[in-house]
Amino acid sequence: MIRIDIVSDVICPWCFIGKRRLERALAAEPPGSVEIGWRPFQLNPDMPVEGMARKDYLRAKFGSDDPGRFGTVVAAGLEEGIPFAFDRMERTPNTVRAHRLIRFADRAGDVDSLVETLFRAYFIEARDVGDVDVLADVGAAAGFDRAVVRAYLVSDEDDARVREEDAYARQLGINGVPCFVVDRKYAISGAQPPETFADVFKRVRESAAAE
């Protein structure tokens, strides 16, 4: 069994693209031969809990809110079947609650379905995935009890743990996402093509056979 820990943020477009490219690589792998875990990283760790208007965020971070700056990302997304809705996004959220929801799903059921629903909610539906009620809807869409999800989100359960894991990723030298850590030995940085993942999987198996 190959273990892949994916360090990502739910508002990182390259993380969504990287997920799609990994899925294409996994399609060539034997069923059940790869185990995936999701690890939190905040692109904006100092973001106010309520988030901020997206235009203000873009101006503060990049000096401009010109949507043309996303042309490369939009083109890469279309190649992976992702119609990014950058022009419809109104807010950039704080993502701690979204990362907590991923931890909730990891314990309670199908985390991959939840992560996919989160990415789609933000990047395709242009929803505010920092909002409790939006996240409760996301949880329900992924098959969880909405009331249970909402009660969890309004608590502070897992808040400290998410922040600690984010800090730990930075201590390991991860300063950009996505980062795919394979069997705790190999790190694949960025949304690499499926062939890169396949090559690493081969190296992992060769190493295991040699041992």
N, C-alpha and C. Protein backbone atom coordinates (compact mmCIF):
# COMPACT_ATOMS: atom_id res chain seq x y z
N MET A 1 0.83 -1.20 0.00
CA MET A 1 0.00 0.00 0.00
C MET A 1 0.87 1.25 0.00
N ILE A 2 0.63 2.13 -0.95
CA ILE A 2 1.34 3.41 -1.03
C ILE A 2 0.50 4.46 -0.33
N ARG A 3 1.14 5.24 0.54
CA ARG A 3 0.46 6.31 1.27
C ARG A 3 0.82 7.66 0.66
N ILE A 4 -0.20 8.47 0.36
CA ILE A 4 0.02 9.82 -0.14
C ILE A 4 -0.65 10.80 0.80
N ASP A 5 0.14 11.70 1.38
CA ASP A 5 -0.41 12.78 2.19
C ASP A 5 -0.39 14.03 1.34
N ILE A 6 -1.57 14.60 1.12
CA ILE A 6 -1.71 15.77 0.26
C ILE A 6 -1.83 17.02 1.14
N VAL A 7 -0.82 17.85 1.09
CA VAL A 7 -0.85 19.12 1.82
C VAL A 7 -1.43 20.16 0.87
N SER A 8 -2.57 20.74 1.25
CA SER A 8 -3.25 21.63 0.32
C SER A 8 -4.14 22.63 1.05
N ASP A 9 -4.65 23.59 0.29
CA ASP A 9 -5.64 24.52 0.80
C ASP A 9 -6.82 24.50 -0.16
N VAL A 10 -8.02 24.61 0.38
CA VAL A 10 -9.22 24.48 -0.46
C VAL A 10 -9.46 25.70 -1.35
N ILE A 11 -8.70 26.78 -1.15
CA ILE A 11 -8.84 27.95 -2.04
C ILE A 11 -7.63 28.07 -2.98
N CYS A 12 -6.85 27.01 -3.08
CA CYS A 12 -5.70 26.98 -3.98
C CYS A 12 -6.11 26.32 -5.30
N PRO A 13 -6.17 27.07 -6.40
CA PRO A 13 -6.61 26.48 -7.66
C PRO A 13 -5.69 25.37 -8.16
N TRP A 14 -4.39 25.52 -7.93
CA TRP A 14 -3.47 24.47 -8.37
C TRP A 14 -3.65 23.19 -7.56
N CYS A 15 -4.19 23.31 -6.34
CA CYS A 15 -4.48 22.11 -5.55
C CYS A 15 -5.62 21.32 -6.19
N PHE A 16 -6.63 22.02 -6.71
CA PHE A 16 -7.74 21.37 -7.40
C PHE A 16 -7.22 20.71 -8.68
N ILE A 17 -6.40 21.42 -9.42
CA ILE A 17 -5.81 20.87 -10.64
C ILE A 17 -4.92 19.67 -10.30
N GLY A 18 -4.12 19.81 -9.25
CA GLY A 18 -3.25 18.70 -8.84
C GLY A 18 -4.05 17.47 -8.44
N LYS A 19 -5.19 17.68 -7.80
CA LYS A 19 -6.07 16.56 -7.44
C LYS A 19 -6.53 15.82 -8.69
N ARG A 20 -6.92 16.56 -9.69
CA ARG A 20 -7.36 15.94 -10.94
C ARG A 20 -6.22 15.15 -11.61
N ARG A 21 -5.03 15.71 -11.61
CA ARG A 21 -3.91 15.03 -12.24
C ARG A 21 -3.50 13.78 -11.46
N LEU A 22 -3.56 13.85 -10.15
CA LEU A 22 -3.30 12.66 -9.34
C LEU A 22 -4.33 11.58 -9.64
N GLU A 23 -5.59 11.98 -9.76
CA GLU A 23 -6.64 11.01 -10.05
C GLU A 23 -6.39 10.30 -11.38
N ARG A 24 -5.87 11.04 -12.36
CA ARG A 24 -5.56 10.39 -13.64
C ARG A 24 -4.42 9.38 -13.47
N ALA A 25 -3.45 9.71 -12.62
CA ALA A 25 -2.36 8.77 -12.35
C ALA A 25 -2.88 7.54 -11.62
N LEU A 26 -3.79 7.75 -10.67
CA LEU A 26 -4.32 6.64 -9.88
C LEU A 26 -5.19 5.70 -10.71
N ALA A 27 -5.74 6.21 -11.81
CA ALA A 27 -6.58 5.36 -12.66
C ALA A 27 -5.79 4.20 -13.25
N ALA A 28 -4.47 4.36 -13.32
CA ALA A 28 -3.61 3.30 -13.86
C ALA A 28 -3.07 2.38 -12.78
N GLU A 29 -3.41 2.65 -11.52
CA GLU A 29 -2.92 1.85 -10.40
C GLU A 29 -3.95 0.78 -10.02
N PRO A 30 -3.48 -0.34 -9.45
CA PRO A 30 -4.43 -1.37 -9.00
C PRO A 30 -5.38 -0.81 -7.95
N PRO A 31 -6.65 -1.16 -8.00
CA PRO A 31 -7.61 -0.67 -7.01
C PRO A 31 -7.16 -1.00 -5.59
N GLY A 32 -7.29 -0.04 -4.70
CA GLY A 32 -6.94 -0.28 -3.30
C GLY A 32 -5.46 -0.27 -2.99
N SER A 33 -4.62 0.10 -3.95
CA SER A 33 -3.17 0.06 -3.73
C SER A 33 -2.60 1.37 -3.20
N VAL A 34 -3.45 2.41 -3.17
CA VAL A 34 -2.99 3.72 -2.72
C VAL A 34 -3.96 4.27 -1.68
N GLU A 35 -3.41 4.77 -0.58
CA GLU A 35 -4.20 5.39 0.48
C GLU A 35 -3.88 6.88 0.52
N ILE A 36 -4.92 7.70 0.62
CA ILE A 36 -4.73 9.15 0.56
C ILE A 36 -5.18 9.80 1.86
N GLY A 37 -4.37 10.75 2.33
CA GLY A 37 -4.75 11.57 3.48
C GLY A 37 -4.60 13.03 3.10
N TRP A 38 -5.46 13.87 3.65
CA TRP A 38 -5.44 15.31 3.36
C TRP A 38 -4.92 16.06 4.56
N ARG A 39 -3.95 16.97 4.34
CA ARG A 39 -3.31 17.72 5.41
C ARG A 39 -3.50 19.22 5.18
N PRO A 40 -3.78 19.98 6.24
CA PRO A 40 -4.11 21.41 6.07
C PRO A 40 -2.92 22.31 5.84
N PHE A 41 -3.16 23.32 5.03
CA PHE A 41 -2.21 24.41 4.80
C PHE A 41 -3.04 25.64 4.48
N GLN A 42 -2.71 26.75 5.10
CA GLN A 42 -3.45 27.99 4.84
C GLN A 42 -2.60 28.92 3.97
N LEU A 43 -3.11 29.23 2.80
CA LEU A 43 -2.41 30.20 1.96
C LEU A 43 -2.35 31.57 2.64
N ASN A 44 -3.38 31.84 3.44
CA ASN A 44 -3.47 33.14 4.11
C ASN A 44 -3.72 32.93 5.60
N PRO A 45 -2.69 32.55 6.36
CA PRO A 45 -2.90 32.23 7.77
C PRO A 45 -3.35 33.42 8.62
N ASP A 46 -3.15 34.64 8.13
CA ASP A 46 -3.57 35.82 8.88
C ASP A 46 -4.91 36.38 8.43
N MET A 47 -5.61 35.63 7.58
CA MET A 47 -6.91 36.08 7.09
C MET A 47 -7.91 36.21 8.25
N PRO A 48 -8.66 37.31 8.34
CA PRO A 48 -9.70 37.42 9.37
C PRO A 48 -10.67 36.24 9.28
N VAL A 49 -11.23 35.86 10.42
CA VAL A 49 -12.10 34.68 10.45
C VAL A 49 -13.27 34.83 9.50
N GLU A 50 -13.75 36.07 9.27
CA GLU A 50 -14.88 36.29 8.37
C GLU A 50 -14.45 36.39 6.91
N GLY A 51 -13.14 36.29 6.64
CA GLY A 51 -12.65 36.44 5.28
C GLY A 51 -12.65 37.91 4.87
N MET A 52 -12.53 38.17 3.58
CA MET A 52 -12.57 39.55 3.09
C MET A 52 -13.05 39.58 1.65
N ALA A 53 -13.47 40.75 1.21
CA ALA A 53 -13.92 40.91 -0.17
C ALA A 53 -12.79 40.50 -1.11
N ARG A 54 -13.13 39.73 -2.13
CA ARG A 54 -12.09 39.18 -3.00
C ARG A 54 -11.30 40.28 -3.73
N LYS A 55 -11.97 41.31 -4.18
CA LYS A 55 -11.25 42.38 -4.87
C LYS A 55 -10.23 43.04 -3.94
N ASP A 56 -10.62 43.24 -2.68
CA ASP A 56 -9.68 43.82 -1.71
C ASP A 56 -8.51 42.89 -1.47
N TYR A 57 -8.80 41.60 -1.39
CA TYR A 57 -7.75 40.61 -1.18
C TYR A 57 -6.76 40.60 -2.34
N LEU A 58 -7.27 40.60 -3.56
CA LEU A 58 -6.40 40.56 -4.74
C LEU A 58 -5.54 41.82 -4.83
N ARG A 59 -6.13 42.95 -4.52
CA ARG A 59 -5.35 44.20 -4.57
C ARG A 59 -4.25 44.19 -3.50
N ALA A 60 -4.59 43.67 -2.31
CA ALA A 60 -3.62 43.65 -1.22
C ALA A 60 -2.50 42.67 -1.49
N LYS A 61 -2.82 41.52 -2.08
CA LYS A 61 -1.81 40.48 -2.27
C LYS A 61 -1.04 40.63 -3.58
N PHE A 62 -1.73 41.05 -4.64
CA PHE A 62 -1.11 41.08 -5.95
C PHE A 62 -1.00 42.48 -6.56
N GLY A 63 -1.62 43.46 -5.90
CA GLY A 63 -1.55 44.82 -6.42
C GLY A 63 -2.59 45.14 -7.47
N SER A 64 -3.41 44.16 -7.82
CA SER A 64 -4.43 44.37 -8.86
C SER A 64 -5.50 43.30 -8.74
N ASP A 65 -6.73 43.67 -9.09
CA ASP A 65 -7.81 42.68 -9.11
C ASP A 65 -8.18 42.29 -10.55
N ASP A 66 -7.25 42.50 -11.46
CA ASP A 66 -7.46 42.17 -12.88
C ASP A 66 -7.66 40.67 -13.04
N PRO A 67 -8.83 40.21 -13.50
CA PRO A 67 -9.08 38.77 -13.67
C PRO A 67 -8.18 38.13 -14.72
N GLY A 68 -7.57 38.95 -15.58
CA GLY A 68 -6.70 38.40 -16.62
C GLY A 68 -5.47 37.70 -16.07
N ARG A 69 -5.13 37.98 -14.82
CA ARG A 69 -3.94 37.37 -14.23
C ARG A 69 -4.12 35.86 -14.04
N PHE A 70 -5.35 35.38 -14.13
CA PHE A 70 -5.62 33.96 -13.91
C PHE A 70 -5.70 33.15 -15.21
N GLY A 71 -5.25 33.74 -16.32
CA GLY A 71 -5.38 33.06 -17.60
C GLY A 71 -4.72 31.70 -17.64
N THR A 72 -3.51 31.59 -17.09
CA THR A 72 -2.80 30.30 -17.10
C THR A 72 -3.54 29.26 -16.28
N VAL A 73 -4.04 29.68 -15.11
CA VAL A 73 -4.78 28.75 -14.24
C VAL A 73 -6.08 28.30 -14.92
N VAL A 74 -6.79 29.26 -15.53
CA VAL A 74 -8.04 28.93 -16.21
C VAL A 74 -7.80 27.91 -17.32
N ALA A 75 -6.74 28.11 -18.10
CA ALA A 75 -6.44 27.19 -19.20
C ALA A 75 -6.09 25.80 -18.67
N ALA A 76 -5.29 25.75 -17.62
CA ALA A 76 -4.92 24.46 -17.03
C ALA A 76 -6.14 23.78 -16.43
N GLY A 77 -7.03 24.57 -15.83
CA GLY A 77 -8.25 23.99 -15.27
C GLY A 77 -9.14 23.38 -16.33
N LEU A 78 -9.29 24.07 -17.45
CA LEU A 78 -10.13 23.54 -18.53
C LEU A 78 -9.60 22.22 -19.06
N GLU A 79 -8.27 22.09 -19.08
CA GLU A 79 -7.67 20.83 -19.52
C GLU A 79 -8.04 19.68 -18.59
N GLU A 80 -8.34 20.00 -17.33
CA GLU A 80 -8.70 18.98 -16.34
C GLU A 80 -10.20 18.96 -16.07
N GLY A 81 -10.97 19.65 -16.89
CA GLY A 81 -12.42 19.65 -16.72
C GLY A 81 -12.92 20.53 -15.59
N ILE A 82 -12.14 21.56 -15.24
CA ILE A 82 -12.52 22.46 -14.15
C ILE A 82 -12.82 23.85 -14.73
N PRO A 83 -14.08 24.27 -14.78
CA PRO A 83 -14.41 25.62 -15.27
C PRO A 83 -14.35 26.63 -14.13
N PHE A 84 -13.17 27.14 -13.83
CA PHE A 84 -13.00 28.07 -12.72
C PHE A 84 -13.92 29.29 -12.87
N ALA A 85 -14.55 29.66 -11.76
CA ALA A 85 -15.48 30.80 -11.77
C ALA A 85 -14.88 32.00 -11.07
N PHE A 86 -13.66 32.36 -11.41
CA PHE A 86 -12.99 33.47 -10.74
C PHE A 86 -13.79 34.78 -10.87
N ASP A 87 -14.47 34.95 -11.99
CA ASP A 87 -15.20 36.20 -12.22
C ASP A 87 -16.43 36.33 -11.34
N ARG A 88 -16.90 35.23 -10.73
CA ARG A 88 -18.09 35.27 -9.89
C ARG A 88 -17.79 35.24 -8.39
N MET A 89 -16.53 35.07 -8.03
CA MET A 89 -16.17 34.99 -6.61
C MET A 89 -16.26 36.37 -5.96
N GLU A 90 -16.92 36.43 -4.82
CA GLU A 90 -17.09 37.70 -4.13
C GLU A 90 -16.22 37.82 -2.88
N ARG A 91 -15.86 36.67 -2.27
CA ARG A 91 -15.08 36.72 -1.04
C ARG A 91 -13.94 35.70 -1.09
N THR A 92 -12.86 36.04 -0.39
CA THR A 92 -11.78 35.10 -0.13
C THR A 92 -11.89 34.71 1.34
N PRO A 93 -12.13 33.43 1.62
CA PRO A 93 -12.41 33.04 3.00
C PRO A 93 -11.17 32.69 3.82
N ASN A 94 -11.34 32.72 5.12
CA ASN A 94 -10.44 32.03 6.03
C ASN A 94 -10.77 30.54 5.91
N THR A 95 -9.77 29.68 5.79
CA THR A 95 -10.06 28.27 5.48
C THR A 95 -9.95 27.31 6.66
N VAL A 96 -9.79 27.84 7.89
CA VAL A 96 -9.67 26.94 9.04
C VAL A 96 -10.91 26.06 9.19
N ARG A 97 -12.09 26.64 9.05
CA ARG A 97 -13.32 25.83 9.19
C ARG A 97 -13.39 24.76 8.11
N ALA A 98 -12.99 25.10 6.89
CA ALA A 98 -13.02 24.11 5.81
C ALA A 98 -12.06 22.96 6.11
N HIS A 99 -10.88 23.28 6.63
CA HIS A 99 -9.92 22.22 6.99
C HIS A 99 -10.46 21.38 8.15
N ARG A 100 -11.16 22.02 9.08
CA ARG A 100 -11.78 21.26 10.17
C ARG A 100 -12.83 20.30 9.60
N LEU A 101 -13.59 20.75 8.62
CA LEU A 101 -14.61 19.90 8.02
C LEU A 101 -13.96 18.69 7.35
N ILE A 102 -12.80 18.88 6.74
CA ILE A 102 -12.08 17.76 6.15
C ILE A 102 -11.68 16.75 7.22
N ARG A 103 -11.23 17.22 8.38
CA ARG A 103 -10.89 16.32 9.48
C ARG A 103 -12.13 15.57 9.95
N PHE A 104 -13.24 16.28 10.05
CA PHE A 104 -14.51 15.66 10.44
C PHE A 104 -14.85 14.52 9.49
N ALA A 105 -14.76 14.80 8.19
CA ALA A 105 -15.10 13.80 7.19
C ALA A 105 -14.13 12.62 7.23
N ASP A 106 -12.87 12.89 7.50
CA ASP A 106 -11.87 11.84 7.57
C ASP A 106 -12.22 10.83 8.66
N ARG A 107 -12.77 11.32 9.75
CA ARG A 107 -13.15 10.42 10.85
C ARG A 107 -14.50 9.75 10.60
N ALA A 108 -15.40 10.48 9.90
CA ALA A 108 -16.78 10.04 9.82
C ALA A 108 -17.17 9.30 8.55
N GLY A 109 -16.34 9.40 7.51
CA GLY A 109 -16.77 8.76 6.27
C GLY A 109 -15.86 9.03 5.10
N ASP A 110 -16.46 9.43 3.98
CA ASP A 110 -15.74 9.58 2.71
C ASP A 110 -15.11 10.96 2.58
N VAL A 111 -13.85 11.06 2.97
CA VAL A 111 -13.18 12.37 2.95
C VAL A 111 -12.93 12.85 1.52
N ASP A 112 -12.63 11.95 0.60
CA ASP A 112 -12.34 12.37 -0.77
C ASP A 112 -13.57 13.02 -1.42
N SER A 113 -14.74 12.49 -1.14
CA SER A 113 -15.97 13.08 -1.66
C SER A 113 -16.17 14.48 -1.08
N LEU A 114 -15.86 14.63 0.20
CA LEU A 114 -16.01 15.93 0.86
C LEU A 114 -15.05 16.95 0.26
N VAL A 115 -13.80 16.55 0.07
CA VAL A 115 -12.81 17.47 -0.50
C VAL A 115 -13.22 17.90 -1.90
N GLU A 116 -13.68 16.95 -2.70
CA GLU A 116 -14.14 17.28 -4.06
C GLU A 116 -15.29 18.28 -4.01
N THR A 117 -16.23 18.06 -3.10
CA THR A 117 -17.38 18.95 -2.98
C THR A 117 -16.95 20.34 -2.53
N LEU A 118 -15.96 20.42 -1.64
CA LEU A 118 -15.42 21.70 -1.20
C LEU A 118 -14.79 22.47 -2.36
N PHE A 119 -13.94 21.79 -3.11
CA PHE A 119 -13.29 22.43 -4.25
C PHE A 119 -14.34 22.94 -5.25
N ARG A 120 -15.33 22.12 -5.53
CA ARG A 120 -16.36 22.51 -6.48
C ARG A 120 -17.16 23.70 -5.96
N ALA A 121 -17.46 23.69 -4.67
CA ALA A 121 -18.24 24.77 -4.08
C ALA A 121 -17.53 26.11 -4.25
N TYR A 122 -16.23 26.12 -4.02
CA TYR A 122 -15.50 27.39 -4.10
C TYR A 122 -15.17 27.78 -5.54
N PHE A 123 -14.60 26.85 -6.28
CA PHE A 123 -14.05 27.22 -7.58
C PHE A 123 -15.04 27.18 -8.74
N ILE A 124 -16.07 26.36 -8.64
CA ILE A 124 -17.04 26.26 -9.73
C ILE A 124 -18.34 26.98 -9.39
N GLU A 125 -18.77 26.87 -8.13
CA GLU A 125 -20.02 27.50 -7.71
C GLU A 125 -19.80 28.88 -7.09
N ALA A 126 -18.53 29.24 -6.86
CA ALA A 126 -18.17 30.56 -6.31
C ALA A 126 -18.85 30.84 -4.96
N ARG A 127 -18.87 29.84 -4.09
CA ARG A 127 -19.49 29.99 -2.77
C ARG A 127 -18.42 30.31 -1.72
N ASP A 128 -18.85 30.90 -0.63
CA ASP A 128 -17.94 31.29 0.46
C ASP A 128 -17.73 30.10 1.40
N VAL A 129 -16.64 29.37 1.20
CA VAL A 129 -16.40 28.16 1.99
C VAL A 129 -15.77 28.47 3.35
N GLY A 130 -15.87 29.72 3.78
CA GLY A 130 -15.53 30.06 5.15
C GLY A 130 -16.77 30.23 6.00
N ASP A 131 -17.93 30.27 5.36
CA ASP A 131 -19.20 30.47 6.03
C ASP A 131 -19.74 29.16 6.61
N VAL A 132 -20.19 29.20 7.84
CA VAL A 132 -20.66 27.98 8.52
C VAL A 132 -21.80 27.31 7.77
N ASP A 133 -22.78 28.10 7.34
CA ASP A 133 -23.94 27.50 6.68
C ASP A 133 -23.59 26.94 5.30
N VAL A 134 -22.70 27.61 4.59
CA VAL A 134 -22.24 27.07 3.31
C VAL A 134 -21.52 25.74 3.54
N LEU A 135 -20.66 25.69 4.54
CA LEU A 135 -19.93 24.46 4.83
C LEU A 135 -20.87 23.35 5.31
N ALA A 136 -21.91 23.71 6.06
CA ALA A 136 -22.89 22.71 6.47
C ALA A 136 -23.59 22.13 5.24
N ASP A 137 -23.89 22.99 4.26
CA ASP A 137 -24.49 22.51 3.01
C ASP A 137 -23.52 21.60 2.26
N VAL A 138 -22.25 21.97 2.25
CA VAL A 138 -21.23 21.15 1.58
C VAL A 138 -21.17 19.77 2.24
N GLY A 139 -21.17 19.76 3.57
CA GLY A 139 -21.15 18.49 4.28
C GLY A 139 -22.35 17.63 3.95
N ALA A 140 -23.54 18.26 3.88
CA ALA A 140 -24.75 17.53 3.55
C ALA A 140 -24.68 16.97 2.13
N ALA A 141 -24.14 17.78 1.20
CA ALA A 141 -24.01 17.33 -0.19
C ALA A 141 -23.06 16.16 -0.31
N ALA A 142 -22.10 16.07 0.63
CA ALA A 142 -21.15 14.96 0.61
C ALA A 142 -21.67 13.74 1.38
N GLY A 143 -22.89 13.84 1.89
CA GLY A 143 -23.52 12.68 2.52
C GLY A 143 -23.57 12.68 4.03
N PHE A 144 -23.18 13.78 4.66
CA PHE A 144 -23.19 13.85 6.12
C PHE A 144 -24.44 14.56 6.61
N ASP A 145 -24.78 14.34 7.88
CA ASP A 145 -25.93 14.98 8.50
C ASP A 145 -25.65 16.47 8.68
N ARG A 146 -26.47 17.30 8.05
CA ARG A 146 -26.19 18.74 8.06
C ARG A 146 -26.16 19.31 9.47
N ALA A 147 -27.10 18.91 10.31
CA ALA A 147 -27.17 19.44 11.67
C ALA A 147 -25.94 19.05 12.47
N VAL A 148 -25.48 17.84 12.29
CA VAL A 148 -24.28 17.38 13.00
C VAL A 148 -23.07 18.16 12.53
N VAL A 149 -22.97 18.36 11.22
CA VAL A 149 -21.84 19.12 10.66
C VAL A 149 -21.86 20.55 11.19
N ARG A 150 -23.02 21.17 11.20
CA ARG A 150 -23.08 22.56 11.64
C ARG A 150 -22.72 22.70 13.11
N ALA A 151 -23.21 21.76 13.93
CA ALA A 151 -22.88 21.80 15.36
C ALA A 151 -21.38 21.67 15.57
N TYR A 152 -20.76 20.83 14.79
CA TYR A 152 -19.30 20.67 14.87
C TYR A 152 -18.60 21.97 14.48
N LEU A 153 -19.05 22.59 13.42
CA LEU A 153 -18.39 23.78 12.90
C LEU A 153 -18.50 24.98 13.85
N VAL A 154 -19.61 25.10 14.56
CA VAL A 154 -19.75 26.24 15.47
C VAL A 154 -19.01 26.01 16.78
N SER A 155 -18.52 24.80 17.00
CA SER A 155 -17.66 24.54 18.15
C SER A 155 -16.23 24.92 17.77
N ASP A 156 -15.30 24.68 18.70
CA ASP A 156 -13.89 24.92 18.37
C ASP A 156 -13.12 23.61 18.24
N GLU A 157 -13.86 22.50 18.10
CA GLU A 157 -13.21 21.19 17.99
C GLU A 157 -12.29 21.15 16.76
N ASP A 158 -11.09 20.67 16.96
CA ASP A 158 -10.07 20.50 15.91
C ASP A 158 -9.45 21.81 15.43
N ASP A 159 -9.89 22.96 15.96
CA ASP A 159 -9.33 24.23 15.52
C ASP A 159 -7.83 24.28 15.80
N ALA A 160 -7.45 23.99 17.05
CA ALA A 160 -6.03 24.04 17.41
C ALA A 160 -5.23 23.01 16.62
N ARG A 161 -5.81 21.84 16.39
CA ARG A 161 -5.11 20.78 15.68
C ARG A 161 -4.81 21.18 14.23
N VAL A 162 -5.78 21.80 13.59
CA VAL A 162 -5.57 22.27 12.21
C VAL A 162 -4.45 23.29 12.15
N ARG A 163 -4.45 24.23 13.08
CA ARG A 163 -3.41 25.26 13.10
C ARG A 163 -2.04 24.66 13.39
N GLU A 164 -2.00 23.66 14.26
CA GLU A 164 -0.73 22.99 14.57
C GLU A 164 -0.20 22.24 13.36
N GLU A 165 -1.07 21.57 12.61
CA GLU A 165 -0.64 20.84 11.42
C GLU A 165 -0.16 21.79 10.33
N ASP A 166 -0.83 22.93 10.21
CA ASP A 166 -0.40 23.95 9.26
C ASP A 166 1.01 24.42 9.62
N ALA A 167 1.23 24.71 10.91
CA ALA A 167 2.54 25.18 11.36
C ALA A 167 3.61 24.10 11.15
N TYR A 168 3.23 22.84 11.37
CA TYR A 168 4.18 21.74 11.21
C TYR A 168 4.61 21.60 9.75
N ALA A 169 3.66 21.77 8.83
CA ALA A 169 4.00 21.69 7.41
C ALA A 169 5.04 22.74 7.05
N ARG A 170 4.90 23.93 7.60
CA ARG A 170 5.87 25.00 7.33
C ARG A 170 7.23 24.67 7.95
N GLN A 171 7.22 24.04 9.13
CA GLN A 171 8.47 23.64 9.77
C GLN A 171 9.21 22.61 8.92
N LEU A 172 8.46 21.80 8.19
CA LEU A 172 9.06 20.80 7.31
C LEU A 172 9.62 21.41 6.03
N GLY A 173 9.36 22.70 5.84
CA GLY A 173 9.85 23.38 4.65
C GLY A 173 8.84 23.52 3.54
N ILE A 174 7.60 23.14 3.81
CA ILE A 174 6.55 23.30 2.81
C ILE A 174 6.05 24.74 2.87
N ASN A 175 6.28 25.49 1.82
CA ASN A 175 5.83 26.88 1.80
C ASN A 175 4.94 27.19 0.60
N GLY A 176 4.53 26.16 -0.09
CA GLY A 176 3.62 26.29 -1.21
C GLY A 176 2.87 24.99 -1.42
N VAL A 177 1.68 25.08 -1.96
CA VAL A 177 0.87 23.89 -2.18
C VAL A 177 0.30 23.91 -3.60
N PRO A 178 -0.04 22.68 -4.09
CA PRO A 178 -0.08 21.41 -3.39
C PRO A 178 1.31 20.79 -3.22
N CYS A 179 1.41 19.97 -2.19
CA CYS A 179 2.60 19.15 -1.99
C CYS A 179 2.13 17.74 -1.66
N PHE A 180 2.59 16.78 -2.44
CA PHE A 180 2.19 15.39 -2.27
C PHE A 180 3.35 14.62 -1.65
N VAL A 181 3.18 14.15 -0.44
CA VAL A 181 4.23 13.41 0.26
C VAL A 181 3.92 11.92 0.14
N VAL A 182 4.78 11.21 -0.56
CA VAL A 182 4.53 9.80 -0.87
C VAL A 182 5.37 8.92 0.03
N ASP A 183 4.67 8.10 0.83
CA ASP A 183 5.32 7.18 1.76
C ASP A 183 6.36 7.86 2.66
N ARG A 184 6.14 9.12 2.94
CA ARG A 184 7.00 9.91 3.82
C ARG A 184 8.46 9.98 3.34
N LYS A 185 8.66 9.67 2.07
CA LYS A 185 10.02 9.66 1.51
C LYS A 185 10.18 10.63 0.35
N TYR A 186 9.14 10.75 -0.44
CA TYR A 186 9.23 11.54 -1.67
C TYR A 186 8.21 12.68 -1.62
N ALA A 187 8.62 13.87 -2.00
CA ALA A 187 7.72 15.02 -2.05
C ALA A 187 7.58 15.50 -3.49
N ILE A 188 6.35 15.60 -3.93
CA ILE A 188 6.05 16.12 -5.26
C ILE A 188 5.41 17.48 -5.07
N SER A 189 6.10 18.52 -5.48
CA SER A 189 5.60 19.88 -5.29
C SER A 189 4.90 20.38 -6.54
N GLY A 190 3.72 20.97 -6.35
CA GLY A 190 3.00 21.54 -7.46
C GLY A 190 2.07 20.55 -8.14
N ALA A 191 1.28 21.06 -9.08
CA ALA A 191 0.31 20.23 -9.82
C ALA A 191 1.03 19.55 -10.98
N GLN A 192 1.78 18.53 -10.67
CA GLN A 192 2.59 17.85 -11.68
C GLN A 192 1.73 16.94 -12.56
N PRO A 193 2.22 16.61 -13.76
CA PRO A 193 1.46 15.72 -14.65
C PRO A 193 1.39 14.30 -14.10
N PRO A 194 0.42 13.52 -14.56
CA PRO A 194 0.27 12.15 -14.07
C PRO A 194 1.53 11.31 -14.18
N GLU A 195 2.35 11.57 -15.21
CA GLU A 195 3.56 10.78 -15.41
C GLU A 195 4.53 10.94 -14.24
N THR A 196 4.54 12.11 -13.62
CA THR A 196 5.43 12.34 -12.47
C THR A 196 5.01 11.46 -11.30
N PHE A 197 3.71 11.39 -11.05
CA PHE A 197 3.22 10.53 -9.98
C PHE A 197 3.54 9.06 -10.28
N ALA A 198 3.32 8.64 -11.51
CA ALA A 198 3.58 7.25 -11.89
C ALA A 198 5.04 6.89 -11.67
N ASP A 199 5.94 7.82 -11.99
CA ASP A 199 7.36 7.57 -11.81
C ASP A 199 7.70 7.40 -10.33
N VAL A 200 7.12 8.22 -9.48
CA VAL A 200 7.37 8.11 -8.04
C VAL A 200 6.79 6.81 -7.49
N PHE A 201 5.60 6.45 -7.94
CA PHE A 201 5.00 5.18 -7.50
C PHE A 201 5.92 4.01 -7.85
N LYS A 202 6.51 4.05 -9.04
CA LYS A 202 7.42 3.00 -9.47
C LYS A 202 8.64 2.94 -8.57
N ARG A 203 9.18 4.10 -8.23
CA ARG A 203 10.36 4.15 -7.37
C ARG A 203 10.05 3.62 -5.98
N VAL A 204 8.85 3.92 -5.47
CA VAL A 204 8.45 3.43 -4.15
C VAL A 204 8.39 1.92 -4.15
N ARG A 205 7.80 1.35 -5.21
CA ARG A 205 7.69 -0.11 -5.27
C ARG A 205 9.04 -0.77 -5.45
N GLU A 206 9.91 -0.17 -6.25
CA GLU A 206 11.25 -0.72 -6.43
C GLU A 206 12.02 -0.67 -5.12
N SER A 207 11.87 0.40 -4.37
CA SER A 207 12.56 0.53 -3.09
C SER A 207 12.05 -0.51 -2.11
N ALA A 208 10.73 -0.72 -2.09
CA ALA A 208 10.15 -1.71 -1.18
C ALA A 208 10.61 -3.12 -1.53
N ALA A 209 10.70 -3.41 -2.83
CA ALA A 209 11.17 -4.73 -3.26
C ALA A 209 12.61 -4.96 -2.88
N ALA A 210 13.43 -3.91 -2.99
CA ALA A 210 14.87 -4.04 -2.66
C ALA A 210 15.06 -4.27 -1.17
N GLU A 211 14.19 -3.72 -0.36
CA GLU A 211 14.30 -3.89 1.08
C GLU A 211 13.84 -5.26 1.53
